[in-house]
Protein backbone atom coordinates (compact mmCIF):
# COMPACT_ATOMS: atom_id res chain seq x y z
CA MET A 1 -49.10 4.75 58.69
CA TRP A 2 -50.48 5.52 55.23
CA THR A 3 -48.32 5.47 52.11
CA VAL A 4 -48.97 7.05 48.70
CA ILE A 5 -48.98 4.40 45.99
CA TYR A 6 -50.23 6.43 43.05
CA ILE A 7 -51.12 9.96 41.98
CA ALA A 8 -54.22 9.97 39.82
CA PRO A 9 -54.75 12.77 37.28
CA THR A 10 -58.51 12.99 37.87
CA ALA A 11 -61.04 12.29 40.60
CA LYS A 12 -62.77 9.75 38.34
CA ILE A 13 -59.59 7.71 37.89
CA ALA A 14 -58.81 7.96 41.61
CA GLU A 15 -62.29 6.68 42.51
CA SER A 16 -62.04 3.87 39.96
CA ILE A 17 -58.71 2.68 41.37
CA LYS A 18 -59.99 3.00 44.95
CA ASN A 19 -63.07 0.92 44.11
CA ARG A 20 -61.00 -1.83 42.46
CA LEU A 21 -58.54 -2.00 45.37
CA THR A 22 -61.40 -2.01 47.89
CA GLN A 23 -63.01 -4.92 46.03
CA GLU A 24 -59.71 -6.78 46.47
CA GLY A 25 -60.00 -6.24 50.24
CA PHE A 26 -57.59 -3.34 50.78
CA LEU A 27 -58.11 -0.21 52.85
CA VAL A 28 -57.73 2.84 50.58
CA LYS A 29 -57.86 6.62 51.06
CA ILE A 30 -57.96 9.34 48.42
CA ARG A 31 -56.55 12.79 49.16
CA PRO A 32 -56.57 15.78 46.79
CA ILE A 33 -53.09 17.24 46.47
CA ASN A 34 -53.47 19.98 43.90
CA VAL A 35 -57.02 21.20 43.43
CA SER A 36 -56.08 23.49 40.54
CA LYS A 37 -54.52 20.57 38.63
CA GLN A 38 -57.07 18.03 39.92
CA GLN A 39 -54.48 15.51 41.16
CA TYR A 40 -55.29 12.94 43.84
CA GLU A 41 -53.06 10.76 45.99
CA ILE A 42 -54.14 7.17 46.53
CA LEU A 43 -52.97 5.96 49.93
CA VAL A 44 -52.85 2.52 51.52
CA PRO A 45 -51.56 1.20 54.87
CA SER A 46 -47.78 0.74 54.75
CA GLY A 47 -48.07 -2.92 55.79
CA GLU A 48 -50.06 -3.76 52.65
CA LEU A 49 -47.79 -1.91 50.23
CA ASP A 50 -46.25 -4.89 48.43
CA GLU A 51 -49.56 -6.70 47.95
CA VAL A 52 -51.37 -3.54 46.82
CA GLN A 53 -48.60 -2.68 44.36
CA GLU A 54 -49.14 -5.97 42.51
CA VAL A 55 -52.88 -5.43 42.26
CA LEU A 56 -52.43 -1.76 41.28
CA ASN A 57 -50.08 -2.77 38.44
CA SER A 58 -52.69 -5.13 37.02
CA ILE A 59 -55.40 -2.44 37.35
CA LEU A 60 -53.26 0.14 35.56
CA ASN A 61 -52.27 -2.32 32.83
CA SER A 62 -55.92 -3.19 32.17
CA GLN A 63 -56.83 0.51 31.75
CA ARG A 64 -54.34 1.04 28.91
């Protein structure tokens, strides 16, 4: 089962987050949710949710 962990505002940001999470060893999918607004869901397996959330927080904090 896949779970949405983040909604990225652009394809570039979604790809960047996917690449960083993949480098950390996680399975990641990107799915467009609103083509007109260019929003993208980032999904990970439900079983990895807690671990991915920690890594995602550090990724998002480093982009600020």
